[in-house]
Protein backbone atom coordinates (compact mmCIF):
# COMPACT_ATOMS: atom_id res chain seq x y z
CA MET A 1 -24.17 64.50 -51.98
CA ASP A 2 -20.66 63.07 -52.35
CA THR A 3 -18.40 65.82 -53.76
CA ARG A 4 -15.26 63.76 -54.31
CA LYS A 5 -13.54 64.06 -57.66
CA PRO A 6 -15.31 61.90 -60.27
CA SER A 7 -13.53 58.70 -61.24
CA ARG A 8 -13.40 57.11 -64.66
CA TYR A 9 -16.33 54.93 -63.59
CA ALA A 10 -18.44 58.04 -63.09
CA TYR A 11 -17.68 59.18 -66.64
CA TRP A 12 -18.43 55.70 -67.99
CA LEU A 13 -21.79 55.67 -66.26
CA LEU A 14 -22.60 59.14 -67.59
CA ALA A 15 -21.74 57.93 -71.09
CA TRP A 16 -24.05 54.94 -70.63
CA LEU A 17 -26.88 57.11 -69.36
CA VAL A 18 -26.56 59.65 -72.16
CA GLY A 19 -26.41 56.87 -74.76
CA LEU A 20 -29.42 55.03 -73.34
CA THR A 21 -31.45 58.24 -73.08
CA LEU A 22 -30.71 59.23 -76.69
CA TRP A 23 -31.59 55.71 -77.85
CA ARG A 24 -34.90 55.81 -75.97
CA LEU A 25 -35.74 59.29 -77.25
CA LEU A 26 -35.03 58.35 -80.88
CA ALA A 27 -36.90 55.06 -80.53
CA ALA A 28 -39.91 56.87 -79.05
CA GLN A 29 -39.96 59.35 -81.94
CA HIS A 30 -39.58 56.53 -84.45
CA THR A 31 -42.36 54.43 -82.97
CA GLY A 32 -44.73 57.32 -82.30
CA MET A 33 -46.48 55.36 -79.57
CA GLU A 34 -49.70 56.97 -78.43
CA LEU A 35 -50.45 57.83 -74.84
CA TYR A 36 -52.18 55.11 -72.92
CA GLY A 37 -55.20 55.94 -70.80
CA ASP A 38 -53.46 56.61 -67.49
CA GLU A 39 -50.90 58.90 -69.13
CA ALA A 40 -53.66 60.92 -70.80
CA GLN A 41 -55.47 61.07 -67.47
CA TYR A 42 -52.37 62.42 -65.73
CA TRP A 43 -52.08 65.01 -68.52
CA THR A 44 -55.62 66.21 -67.87
CA TRP A 45 -54.71 66.54 -64.20
CA SER A 46 -51.70 68.67 -65.10
CA LEU A 47 -54.01 71.24 -66.71
CA HIS A 48 -55.16 72.16 -63.21
CA PRO A 49 -52.22 71.79 -60.77
CA ASP A 50 -53.50 70.88 -57.35
CA TRP A 51 -52.43 69.14 -54.13
CA GLY A 52 -54.24 65.94 -55.01
CA TYR A 53 -56.30 64.02 -57.54
CA TYR A 54 -58.81 61.21 -57.32
CA SER A 55 -56.47 58.22 -57.49
CA LYS A 56 -52.95 59.57 -56.93
CA PRO A 57 -50.95 62.24 -55.12
CA PRO A 58 -49.99 65.27 -57.23
CA LEU A 59 -46.30 64.91 -58.15
CA VAL A 60 -46.81 63.17 -61.51
CA ALA A 61 -49.20 65.91 -62.64
CA TRP A 62 -46.74 68.61 -61.55
CA LEU A 63 -43.98 66.94 -63.57
CA ILE A 64 -46.17 66.75 -66.68
CA TYR A 65 -47.07 70.42 -66.22
CA LEU A 66 -43.37 71.27 -66.12
CA GLY A 67 -42.49 68.99 -69.04
CA THR A 68 -45.21 70.27 -71.36
CA HIS A 69 -44.38 73.89 -70.58
CA LEU A 70 -40.71 73.24 -71.37
CA PHE A 71 -41.02 70.85 -74.33
CA GLY A 72 -44.57 71.23 -75.65
CA ASP A 73 -47.62 69.01 -75.27
CA SER A 74 -46.62 66.27 -77.73
CA GLU A 75 -46.32 62.73 -76.38
CA ILE A 76 -42.59 63.34 -75.88
CA GLY A 77 -43.32 66.50 -73.90
CA VAL A 78 -45.86 64.72 -71.71
CA ARG A 79 -43.36 61.92 -71.03
CA SER A 80 -40.24 64.09 -70.84
CA ALA A 81 -39.90 63.85 -67.06
CA SER A 82 -39.37 60.08 -67.24
CA LEU A 83 -36.52 60.48 -69.72
CA VAL A 84 -34.79 62.64 -67.11
CA LEU A 85 -35.79 60.99 -63.82
CA TYR A 86 -34.67 57.44 -64.61
CA PRO A 87 -31.08 58.46 -65.49
CA LEU A 88 -31.05 60.65 -62.36
CA THR A 89 -32.09 57.63 -60.32
CA SER A 90 -29.24 55.58 -61.80
CA TRP A 91 -26.83 58.36 -60.86
CA VAL A 92 -28.11 58.52 -57.29
CA ILE A 93 -27.72 54.73 -57.02
CA PHE A 94 -24.12 55.15 -58.18
CA LEU A 95 -23.47 57.78 -55.50
CA THR A 96 -25.21 55.64 -52.87
CA VAL A 97 -23.18 52.49 -53.49
CA ARG A 98 -19.94 54.43 -53.78
CA ARG A 99 -20.55 56.18 -50.47
CA GLN A 100 -21.63 53.02 -48.72
CA LEU A 101 -18.62 50.97 -49.80
CA ARG A 102 -16.17 53.80 -49.10
CA THR A 103 -17.66 54.28 -45.66
CA GLU A 104 -17.64 50.62 -44.63
CA PRO A 105 -14.94 48.86 -46.66
CA GLY A 106 -14.92 45.18 -45.83
CA THR A 107 -16.51 45.54 -42.39
CA HIS A 108 -19.22 43.48 -40.76
CA THR A 109 -21.42 44.33 -37.84
CA LYS A 110 -20.03 43.99 -34.35
CA GLU A 111 -22.04 40.93 -33.53
CA ALA A 112 -20.46 38.97 -36.39
CA SER A 113 -17.51 37.17 -34.85
CA SER A 114 -15.10 35.12 -36.90
CA SER A 115 -16.43 31.95 -35.34
CA ARG A 116 -19.85 32.64 -36.82
CA ILE A 117 -18.68 33.33 -40.32
CA SER A 118 -19.25 30.24 -42.37
CA GLN A 119 -16.93 28.97 -45.07
CA ALA A 120 -19.43 30.28 -47.60
CA MET A 121 -19.15 33.73 -46.02
CA GLN A 122 -15.35 33.59 -46.13
CA ARG A 123 -15.45 32.72 -49.81
CA MET A 124 -18.01 35.40 -50.46
CA PHE A 125 -16.11 38.18 -48.73
CA GLN A 126 -12.60 37.14 -49.63
CA SER A 127 -12.27 40.50 -51.37
CA ASP A 128 -14.23 43.72 -51.59
CA PRO A 129 -15.10 45.29 -54.93
CA GLU A 130 -13.66 48.70 -55.69
CA PRO A 131 -16.36 51.17 -54.53
CA ASP A 132 -16.53 53.14 -57.77
CA ALA A 133 -16.58 49.98 -59.88
CA ALA A 134 -19.40 48.47 -57.81
CA ALA A 135 -21.27 51.79 -57.97
CA PHE A 136 -20.92 51.81 -61.77
CA TRP A 137 -22.35 48.30 -62.09
CA ALA A 138 -25.25 49.13 -59.77
CA GLY A 139 -26.09 52.28 -61.73
CA VAL A 140 -25.87 50.71 -65.16
CA LEU A 141 -27.79 47.63 -64.02
CA PHE A 142 -30.69 49.80 -62.89
CA ALA A 143 -30.50 51.81 -66.11
CA THR A 144 -31.04 48.67 -68.22
CA LEU A 145 -33.74 46.91 -66.16
CA PRO A 146 -36.89 46.06 -68.15
CA MET A 147 -38.96 48.29 -65.87
CA THR A 148 -36.54 51.16 -66.57
CA SER A 149 -36.56 50.58 -70.33
CA LEU A 150 -40.37 50.63 -70.44
CA GLY A 151 -40.77 53.26 -67.72
CA SER A 152 -38.48 55.69 -69.56
CA TRP A 153 -40.98 55.57 -72.42
CA LEU A 154 -43.99 56.33 -70.27
CA ILE A 155 -44.97 58.86 -67.65
CA THR A 156 -46.09 57.11 -64.49
CA THR A 157 -45.97 57.67 -60.76
CA ASP A 158 -43.07 55.19 -60.56
CA ALA A 159 -40.63 57.62 -62.22
CA PRO A 160 -40.54 60.17 -59.37
CA LEU A 161 -41.12 57.45 -56.76
CA LEU A 162 -37.98 55.54 -57.74
CA LEU A 163 -35.88 58.70 -57.64
CA CYS A 164 -37.21 59.59 -54.18
CA TRP A 165 -36.55 56.02 -52.98
CA ALA A 166 -32.95 56.19 -54.23
CA LEU A 167 -32.46 59.62 -52.62
CA ALA A 168 -33.90 58.36 -49.34
CA LEU A 169 -31.48 55.43 -49.42
CA TYR A 170 -28.55 57.77 -50.03
CA PHE A 171 -29.48 60.07 -47.16
CA THR A 172 -30.12 57.08 -44.88
CA ILE A 173 -26.55 55.90 -45.45
CA ALA A 174 -25.27 59.45 -45.01
CA ALA A 175 -27.25 59.90 -41.79
CA LEU A 176 -26.03 56.59 -40.38
CA GLU A 177 -22.45 57.58 -41.24
CA THR A 178 -22.45 61.16 -39.95
CA GLY A 179 -25.36 61.37 -37.53
CA ARG A 180 -25.88 64.95 -38.72
CA TRP A 181 -29.28 66.56 -38.44
CA ARG A 182 -28.93 67.78 -42.02
CA ASP A 183 -28.79 64.26 -43.43
CA TRP A 184 -31.71 63.06 -41.33
CA LEU A 185 -33.83 66.03 -42.42
CA LEU A 186 -32.92 65.48 -46.08
CA LEU A 187 -34.04 61.88 -45.62
CA GLY A 188 -37.37 63.23 -44.39
CA VAL A 189 -37.64 65.50 -47.45
CA ALA A 190 -36.95 62.59 -49.82
CA VAL A 191 -39.56 60.41 -48.14
CA GLY A 192 -42.08 63.26 -48.07
CA PHE A 193 -41.78 63.98 -51.78
CA GLY A 194 -41.88 60.23 -52.42
CA MET A 195 -45.26 60.19 -50.67
CA LEU A 196 -46.39 63.01 -52.97
CA ALA A 197 -45.40 60.75 -55.87
CA LYS A 198 -47.11 57.58 -54.64
CA TYR A 199 -48.33 56.42 -51.26
CA SER A 200 -46.21 53.27 -51.68
CA MET A 201 -43.28 55.36 -50.41
CA ALA A 202 -44.60 54.48 -46.95
CA PHE A 203 -42.93 51.09 -47.40
CA TYR A 204 -39.60 52.86 -46.96
CA GLY A 205 -40.48 53.02 -43.29
CA LEU A 206 -40.95 49.25 -43.29
CA GLY A 207 -37.48 48.76 -44.78
CA PHE A 208 -35.94 51.11 -42.21
CA VAL A 209 -37.59 49.34 -39.26
CA VAL A 210 -36.55 45.91 -40.55
CA TYR A 211 -32.96 47.08 -40.98
CA VAL A 212 -32.74 48.61 -37.49
CA LEU A 213 -34.30 45.59 -35.79
CA ALA A 214 -31.99 43.24 -37.69
CA SER A 215 -28.87 45.24 -36.75
CA ARG A 216 -27.99 45.16 -33.06
CA ASP A 217 -25.56 48.06 -33.37
CA ARG A 218 -28.42 50.19 -34.80
CA TRP A 219 -30.81 49.61 -31.91
CA PRO A 220 -29.86 52.94 -30.27
CA LEU A 221 -31.70 54.58 -33.20
CA LEU A 222 -34.94 53.43 -31.60
CA LYS A 223 -34.29 56.03 -28.86
CA ASP A 224 -32.72 58.65 -31.11
CA PRO A 225 -35.02 61.61 -31.94
CA LYS A 226 -33.51 62.16 -35.38
CA PRO A 227 -35.35 59.34 -37.26
CA TYR A 228 -38.63 60.43 -35.67
CA LEU A 229 -38.08 64.03 -36.70
CA ALA A 230 -37.28 62.85 -40.23
CA ALA A 231 -40.58 60.94 -40.27
CA ALA A 232 -42.40 64.00 -38.92
CA LEU A 233 -40.92 66.16 -41.69
CA ALA A 234 -42.03 63.62 -44.31
CA PHE A 235 -45.54 63.72 -42.86
CA LEU A 236 -45.50 67.53 -42.85
CA ILE A 237 -44.71 67.56 -46.59
CA LEU A 238 -47.68 65.24 -47.17
CA VAL A 239 -50.09 67.38 -45.09
CA PRO A 240 -51.34 69.53 -48.05
CA ASN A 241 -52.36 66.34 -49.86
CA ILE A 242 -54.09 65.06 -46.72
CA LEU A 243 -55.98 68.35 -46.44
CA TRP A 244 -56.99 68.10 -50.11
CA ASN A 245 -58.30 64.61 -49.44
CA ALA A 246 -60.17 65.84 -46.36
CA GLY A 247 -61.97 68.30 -48.61
CA HIS A 248 -62.85 65.57 -51.11
CA GLN A 249 -64.11 62.74 -48.89
CA PHE A 250 -60.61 61.16 -48.78
CA VAL A 251 -61.13 59.79 -52.29
CA SER A 252 -57.44 58.99 -52.90
CA PHE A 253 -57.17 56.86 -49.77
CA HIS A 254 -60.45 55.07 -50.48
CA HIS A 255 -59.30 54.38 -54.05
CA THR A 256 -55.97 52.97 -52.83
CA ALA A 257 -57.81 50.60 -50.50
CA GLU A 258 -60.27 49.59 -53.22
CA ILE A 259 -57.68 48.65 -55.83
CA SER A 260 -55.90 46.47 -53.26
CA GLU A 261 -59.20 44.57 -52.85
CA LEU A 262 -58.51 43.73 -49.22
CA ASN A 263 -62.21 42.95 -48.82
CA ARG A 264 -61.86 39.85 -51.01
CA SER A 265 -61.75 36.37 -49.56
CA LEU A 266 -58.29 35.48 -48.29
CA PHE A 267 -55.69 33.32 -50.03
CA HIS A 268 -55.30 33.59 -53.80
CA PRO A 269 -52.33 31.40 -54.76
CA GLU A 270 -52.92 32.11 -58.46
CA ALA A 271 -52.54 35.84 -57.81
CA LEU A 272 -49.39 35.17 -55.78
CA LEU A 273 -47.92 33.14 -58.65
CA GLU A 274 -48.84 35.85 -61.17
CA PHE A 275 -47.15 38.53 -59.08
CA PHE A 276 -44.09 36.35 -58.46
CA VAL A 277 -43.60 35.59 -62.17
CA GLY A 278 -44.19 39.24 -62.99
CA GLN A 279 -41.11 40.22 -60.99
CA PHE A 280 -38.91 38.43 -63.54
CA LEU A 281 -40.37 40.70 -66.22
CA VAL A 282 -40.11 43.86 -64.12
CA PHE A 283 -36.63 43.28 -62.64
CA GLY A 284 -35.17 41.18 -65.45
CA PRO A 285 -34.89 37.37 -65.56
CA ILE A 286 -31.26 37.07 -64.44
CA THR A 287 -31.45 39.93 -61.95
CA ALA A 288 -34.64 38.60 -60.38
CA GLY A 289 -33.19 35.11 -60.29
CA TRP A 290 -30.19 36.27 -58.28
CA LEU A 291 -32.38 38.35 -56.00
CA LEU A 292 -34.40 35.22 -55.29
CA ALA A 293 -31.18 33.30 -54.60
CA LEU A 294 -30.09 35.96 -52.10
CA ALA A 295 -33.49 35.91 -50.42
CA LEU A 296 -33.32 32.12 -50.02
CA ARG A 297 -29.78 32.15 -48.58
CA PRO A 298 -29.65 35.03 -46.08
CA ARG A 299 -26.86 33.36 -44.08
CA ASP A 300 -24.53 34.03 -47.00
CA TRP A 301 -24.82 37.81 -46.63
CA PHE A 302 -26.65 38.73 -43.42
CA ASP A 303 -23.48 39.41 -41.42
CA ASP A 304 -22.34 42.07 -43.87
CA ASN A 305 -23.93 45.32 -42.73
CA ARG A 306 -23.83 46.84 -46.22
CA LEU A 307 -25.77 44.02 -47.84
CA ARG A 308 -28.15 43.75 -44.91
CA LEU A 309 -29.11 47.40 -45.35
CA LEU A 310 -29.70 47.03 -49.09
CA ALA A 311 -31.61 43.79 -48.52
CA ALA A 312 -33.90 45.35 -45.92
CA PHE A 313 -35.00 48.09 -48.32
CA THR A 314 -35.49 45.55 -51.11
CA LEU A 315 -36.76 42.29 -49.69
CA ALA A 316 -39.05 43.71 -46.99
CA PRO A 317 -41.28 45.66 -49.44
CA VAL A 318 -41.26 42.84 -52.01
CA ALA A 319 -42.23 40.36 -49.29
CA ALA A 320 -45.05 42.68 -48.22
CA PHE A 321 -46.45 42.74 -51.75
CA LEU A 322 -46.08 38.98 -52.09
CA LEU A 323 -48.23 38.68 -48.99
CA LEU A 324 -50.70 41.24 -50.37
CA SER A 325 -50.96 39.32 -53.64
CA LEU A 326 -51.76 36.15 -51.70
CA MET A 327 -54.39 37.87 -49.57
CA SER A 328 -56.02 39.91 -52.33
CA ARG A 329 -54.06 41.07 -55.37
CA ALA A 330 -51.01 43.10 -56.39
CA PHE A 331 -49.99 44.18 -59.86
CA ALA A 332 -46.48 43.25 -60.99
CA ASN A 333 -45.21 46.84 -60.95
CA TRP A 334 -46.42 47.66 -57.45
CA ALA A 335 -43.10 46.65 -55.88
CA ALA A 336 -40.98 48.27 -58.60
CA PHE A 337 -39.79 51.04 -56.28
CA ALA A 338 -37.88 48.48 -54.19
CA TYR A 339 -35.67 47.66 -57.16
CA ALA A 340 -33.80 50.95 -56.87
CA SER A 341 -32.15 49.37 -53.83
CA GLY A 342 -32.52 45.91 -55.39
CA ALA A 343 -30.25 46.77 -58.31
CA ALA A 344 -27.58 47.90 -55.85
CA LEU A 345 -28.01 44.76 -53.75
CA VAL A 346 -27.66 42.36 -56.67
CA ALA A 347 -24.75 44.22 -58.26
CA VAL A 348 -22.73 44.49 -55.04
CA ALA A 349 -23.45 40.90 -53.96
CA LEU A 350 -22.45 39.46 -57.33
CA LEU A 351 -19.23 41.46 -57.38
CA MET A 352 -18.42 40.33 -53.86
CA GLN A 353 -18.83 36.76 -55.04
CA GLY A 354 -16.64 37.33 -58.07
CA ARG A 355 -19.58 36.75 -60.43
CA ARG A 356 -19.15 39.71 -62.76
CA GLY A 357 -20.03 37.48 -65.71
CA TRP A 358 -23.57 37.21 -64.40
CA LEU A 359 -23.81 41.00 -64.32
CA VAL A 360 -22.67 41.18 -67.93
CA GLY A 361 -25.21 38.51 -68.82
CA ALA A 362 -27.97 40.44 -67.05
CA LEU A 363 -27.08 43.61 -68.97
CA VAL A 364 -27.08 41.74 -72.29
CA VAL A 365 -30.45 40.13 -71.61
CA ASN A 366 -31.98 43.39 -70.36
CA LEU A 367 -30.71 45.33 -73.37
CA ALA A 368 -32.03 42.64 -75.71
CA LEU A 369 -35.47 42.96 -74.10
CA GLY A 370 -35.22 46.72 -74.60
CA VAL A 371 -34.45 46.24 -78.30
CA VAL A 372 -37.51 44.03 -78.66
CA VAL A 373 -39.78 46.54 -76.90
CA TYR A 374 -38.45 49.58 -78.76
CA ASN A 375 -38.31 47.98 -82.21
CA PHE A 376 -41.12 45.43 -82.11
CA HIS A 377 -42.85 46.73 -85.24
CA ASP A 378 -39.57 46.84 -87.18
CA ILE A 379 -38.70 43.29 -86.12
CA ALA A 380 -42.16 42.06 -87.10
CA ARG A 381 -41.82 43.79 -90.47
CA VAL A 382 -38.44 42.22 -91.16
CA LEU A 383 -39.76 38.79 -90.19
CA ASN A 384 -42.94 39.39 -92.23
CA ILE A 385 -45.17 38.80 -89.20
CA GLN A 386 -48.75 40.07 -89.45
CA LEU A 387 -49.55 41.63 -86.10
CA THR A 388 -52.94 41.50 -84.42
CA ARG A 389 -54.20 43.54 -81.51
CA LYS A 390 -53.32 40.65 -79.17
CA THR A 391 -49.80 40.13 -80.52
CA ASP A 392 -48.92 43.82 -80.84
CA PRO A 393 -47.59 45.14 -77.51
CA TYR A 394 -48.80 48.59 -78.57
CA GLY A 395 -52.26 47.28 -79.45
CA ARG A 396 -53.95 48.72 -76.39
CA VAL A 397 -52.68 52.22 -77.18
CA THR A 398 -53.42 52.27 -80.89
CA GLY A 399 -56.24 54.15 -82.60
CA PHE A 400 -57.00 56.85 -80.04
CA ARG A 401 -55.02 59.52 -81.87
CA ALA A 402 -57.22 59.02 -84.93
CA LEU A 403 -60.35 58.96 -82.76
CA GLY A 404 -59.43 62.20 -81.02
CA ILE A 405 -58.67 63.92 -84.32
CA GLU A 406 -62.02 62.82 -85.77
CA VAL A 407 -63.96 63.96 -82.71
CA GLY A 408 -62.02 67.25 -82.83
CA LYS A 409 -63.10 67.77 -86.47
CA GLN A 410 -66.74 67.24 -85.59
CA LEU A 411 -66.50 69.63 -82.65
CA LYS A 412 -64.80 72.23 -84.85
CA ALA A 413 -67.73 72.02 -87.26
CA ARG A 414 -70.16 72.71 -84.38
CA PRO A 415 -68.92 75.75 -82.40
CA GLY A 416 -70.21 75.84 -78.85
CA THR A 417 -70.67 72.07 -78.65
CA HIS A 418 -68.75 70.19 -75.96
CA PHE A 419 -67.70 66.58 -76.17
CA LEU A 420 -69.14 64.08 -73.70
CA THR A 421 -68.40 60.44 -72.93
CA ASP A 422 -69.30 57.84 -70.32
CA ASP A 423 -65.82 56.25 -70.13
CA ARG A 424 -63.06 57.90 -68.07
CA MET A 425 -60.19 56.60 -70.20
CA LEU A 426 -61.97 57.59 -73.37
CA TYR A 427 -62.54 61.02 -71.85
CA ALA A 428 -58.82 61.45 -71.13
CA LEU A 429 -57.69 60.24 -74.57
CA ILE A 430 -60.22 62.32 -76.54
CA ARG A 431 -59.47 65.29 -74.33
CA TYR A 432 -55.78 64.95 -75.28
CA TYR A 433 -55.99 64.04 -78.97
CA GLY A 434 -59.01 66.23 -79.74
CA ARG A 435 -57.40 69.44 -78.45
CA PRO A 436 -58.06 72.32 -78.71
CA TYR A 437 -61.66 71.54 -79.71
CA SER A 438 -62.04 69.07 -76.83
CA ASN A 439 -61.55 71.85 -74.25
CA GLY A 440 -64.48 71.95 -71.86
CA GLY A 441 -65.41 68.28 -72.30
CA LEU A 442 -67.66 66.67 -69.71
CA TYR A 443 -68.18 63.22 -68.22
CA LEU A 444 -71.47 61.33 -68.33
CA ASN A 445 -71.62 59.75 -64.89
CA LEU A 446 -74.05 56.86 -65.36
CA SER A 447 -73.74 55.53 -61.82
CA GLY A 448 -73.90 58.86 -60.04
CA LEU A 449 -70.99 57.73 -57.83
CA VAL A 450 -67.76 59.66 -57.39
CA ASN A 451 -65.57 56.78 -58.60
CA ASN A 452 -63.04 58.60 -60.79
CA HIS A 453 -61.49 62.03 -61.20
CA TYR A 454 -63.91 63.16 -63.90
CA ALA A 455 -66.96 62.23 -61.83
CA LEU A 456 -65.38 64.44 -59.18
CA THR A 457 -64.54 67.42 -61.39
CA VAL A 458 -66.42 67.49 -64.74
CA ASP A 459 -69.67 65.62 -64.16
CA VAL A 460 -72.31 66.71 -66.68
CA ARG A 461 -74.81 66.76 -63.80
CA ASP A 462 -73.04 69.91 -62.62
CA HIS A 463 -73.24 71.51 -66.10
CA PRO A 464 -76.41 70.03 -67.63
CA LYS A 465 -77.38 72.74 -70.10
CA GLY A 466 -76.06 73.01 -73.65
CA ASP A 467 -75.15 71.01 -76.75
CA PHE A 468 -72.89 67.96 -76.50
CA LEU A 469 -71.24 65.53 -78.88
CA LEU A 470 -71.65 62.23 -77.03
CA VAL A 471 -69.15 59.44 -77.90
CA SER A 472 -69.49 55.94 -76.45
CA GLN A 473 -68.93 52.24 -77.00
CA ASN A 474 -71.43 51.23 -74.31
CA LEU A 475 -74.57 53.33 -74.66
CA THR A 476 -77.70 52.50 -76.67
CA ASP A 477 -80.23 54.87 -78.24
CA ASP A 478 -82.73 54.22 -75.46
CA MET A 479 -80.17 54.93 -72.73
CA VAL A 480 -79.26 58.22 -74.40
CA LYS A 481 -82.88 59.30 -74.96
CA GLN A 482 -83.62 58.70 -71.28
CA ARG A 483 -80.94 61.22 -70.29
CA PHE A 484 -81.21 64.09 -72.79
CA ALA A 485 -83.97 66.40 -73.93
CA GLN A 486 -82.99 66.15 -77.61
CA VAL A 487 -81.04 63.36 -79.32
CA THR A 488 -79.82 63.11 -82.91
CA SER A 489 -77.85 60.01 -83.92
CA GLN A 490 -74.68 60.59 -85.97
CA PRO A 491 -72.64 58.27 -88.23
CA VAL A 492 -70.59 55.67 -86.39
CA ILE A 493 -66.83 56.29 -86.13
CA ARG A 494 -65.00 53.12 -87.13
CA PHE A 495 -61.29 52.32 -87.57
CA GLN A 496 -59.79 49.17 -89.11
CA LEU A 497 -56.74 48.91 -86.87
CA TYR A 498 -55.84 45.23 -87.31
CA PRO A 499 -57.22 42.27 -89.22
CA HIS A 500 -60.44 41.27 -87.50
CA PHE A 501 -60.31 44.26 -85.16
CA ALA A 502 -62.18 47.45 -86.04
CA PRO A 503 -63.49 49.29 -82.96
CA GLU A 504 -66.67 51.29 -83.38
CA TYR A 505 -67.76 54.38 -81.49
CA ARG A 506 -71.36 55.52 -81.54
CA VAL A 507 -71.96 59.26 -81.71
CA TRP A 508 -74.96 61.41 -80.84
CA LEU A 509 -75.67 65.12 -80.86
CA VAL A 510 -77.54 65.75 -77.62
CA HIS A 511 -79.03 68.78 -75.90
CA ASP A 512 -79.62 69.42 -72.18
CA TYR A 513 -78.93 66.59 -69.77
CA LYS A 514 -81.89 65.43 -67.70
CA GLN A 515 -81.92 63.07 -64.75
CA PRO A 516 -83.27 59.66 -65.94
C-alpha cells in the first residue's frame, strides 16, 4: 500500500468514515432491526466453519464467526463485519485513486495524438484534479452510496466482495506501475479471496481483459506471464472450495446457475428495465445518472488511460449483468461490486470536468436516502403515518424475534424435544432467535431434494427418531400425520404485527419421522 505521509484529505476521509460508522451503529441499535432470512442462514453456517456451503462460498460465514466471537451473537455482533468492511473499502478506494493520479498525472495513452483529441476532450482535461482531493471525493462518495448505507446495516456476501474488488483494483494499478511480481501476486490473492466471498469476483477478469484489449500500450501483457500467474494463484486459493463442492455434488455451482435461470426463454425486456432502474437505487440517482452519461459518451474519456481503466472495471461487469437480465434475470444488487470502481470513475470524471457541485449534490441525496432508511419509523411517527407490512421497509424482517422466543419457551418446557420446520428461512430464523433451546433443530425436507443447505446438513430423514416440535405455515394435519408415527396438535402461534396482518404458525408435537 501507499506509505506516503497522509494529507489533510486523508484525515478528512477518516473523520467522515468514523462519523458515518458511529451514525450507522447508533441507528442500528435504535431501530433494533431483526435479522432477515439470509443473514440468519449465514449465521447458522458460521456455527460450523467450512470451505463451502450450499449456495455461497465460505467467507461470509467466516466473518460472522469472527464477529460473533469478538462482539457476541446479537444482531450487531452478527453484522459487525459489515460495519468494518465498508469503511475499509472506502479507504482502499482513496488509496487507489491517489496512487493512480499520482502515477499518471495528466497523461493519455500513446495512441492518443493531439489531432484526435476533440474539443470536448480538451475542455474535459483542461486541468487535473489534485490526487488527494480526487481520492477523498471517491472514498466519501462510495461511503455514502445507498448500497453502502444499507449494506453497512446487513451482513451479506457483498461486504467482503467489495473490499476484495477494491483491493484487486489497487494492486492492478500498482502492478501496471511497477511490474513487480509482488504486486501481481497480491492481485491474485485479492481476486482469490474475492472468489471465496462470491463467485461474481470472476467478473474482475472480464474487466481486466476489456481494459487490456482497449489499451494498445497494454497489449504486451497478453504475453507477460505475471497476469497468468496471478490468475493461477487466485484459482489456487479457490481450490479448497472447489474440492468441498466436489464432495457435495457441486451444489454451489448448480445453485448459482439455477438462480440465474439461464434455462428460461430468451429476451425479457421487463427484467432488463427492472434491473436498469434498480441501479439508480443501488448506486444513487445522481451517481447512476452520471455513470450512464459516461457510458453513452465514451469519446469524452476513452483517451485518458486512468478513466479507461476505471471504466473497464465498472462498465464491463454492469453491461454483462444488463445482458443477463435481458436473457434471463438479474437482481439489482448483483452488479454492486462494480461500483467500488464506479464510485472512483464518477468522482474523478466529474472533478476533471469541473463539476464538483454534482458530487456535492450526490452526497446530499445519498445521505438523505440514508436518513430515510435509518429513521423510517421515527419519520412515520412524527408524520403520524400508520405503517402496514407493505409500507414498512422493515416489514419483511419483523416478527421473527417474537416467534423464535415463543418456540424457545415451548422447547424449554419439553426437554429433549427438537424443533422442526419445513421452511429453510423459518429454520434459520427460529434457530437464531430460539437459541439456546433451538440447538439441534432439524429440517423437514418435503421434496426429498437437496435444494438448500439444511436439506444437505440437517434433514430429518437422517435423524428420524425422537420428539419434535414442528412449526409451519404450509402443512396441514393430514400432511403431518402421513409423516410421523404420533401427532399432537398444539395451539396456533399468532402475532398481530400490523393492521390487517397477523401471521399464524401451526404447531404440532410429533414423534418419529416415517417416510410417507
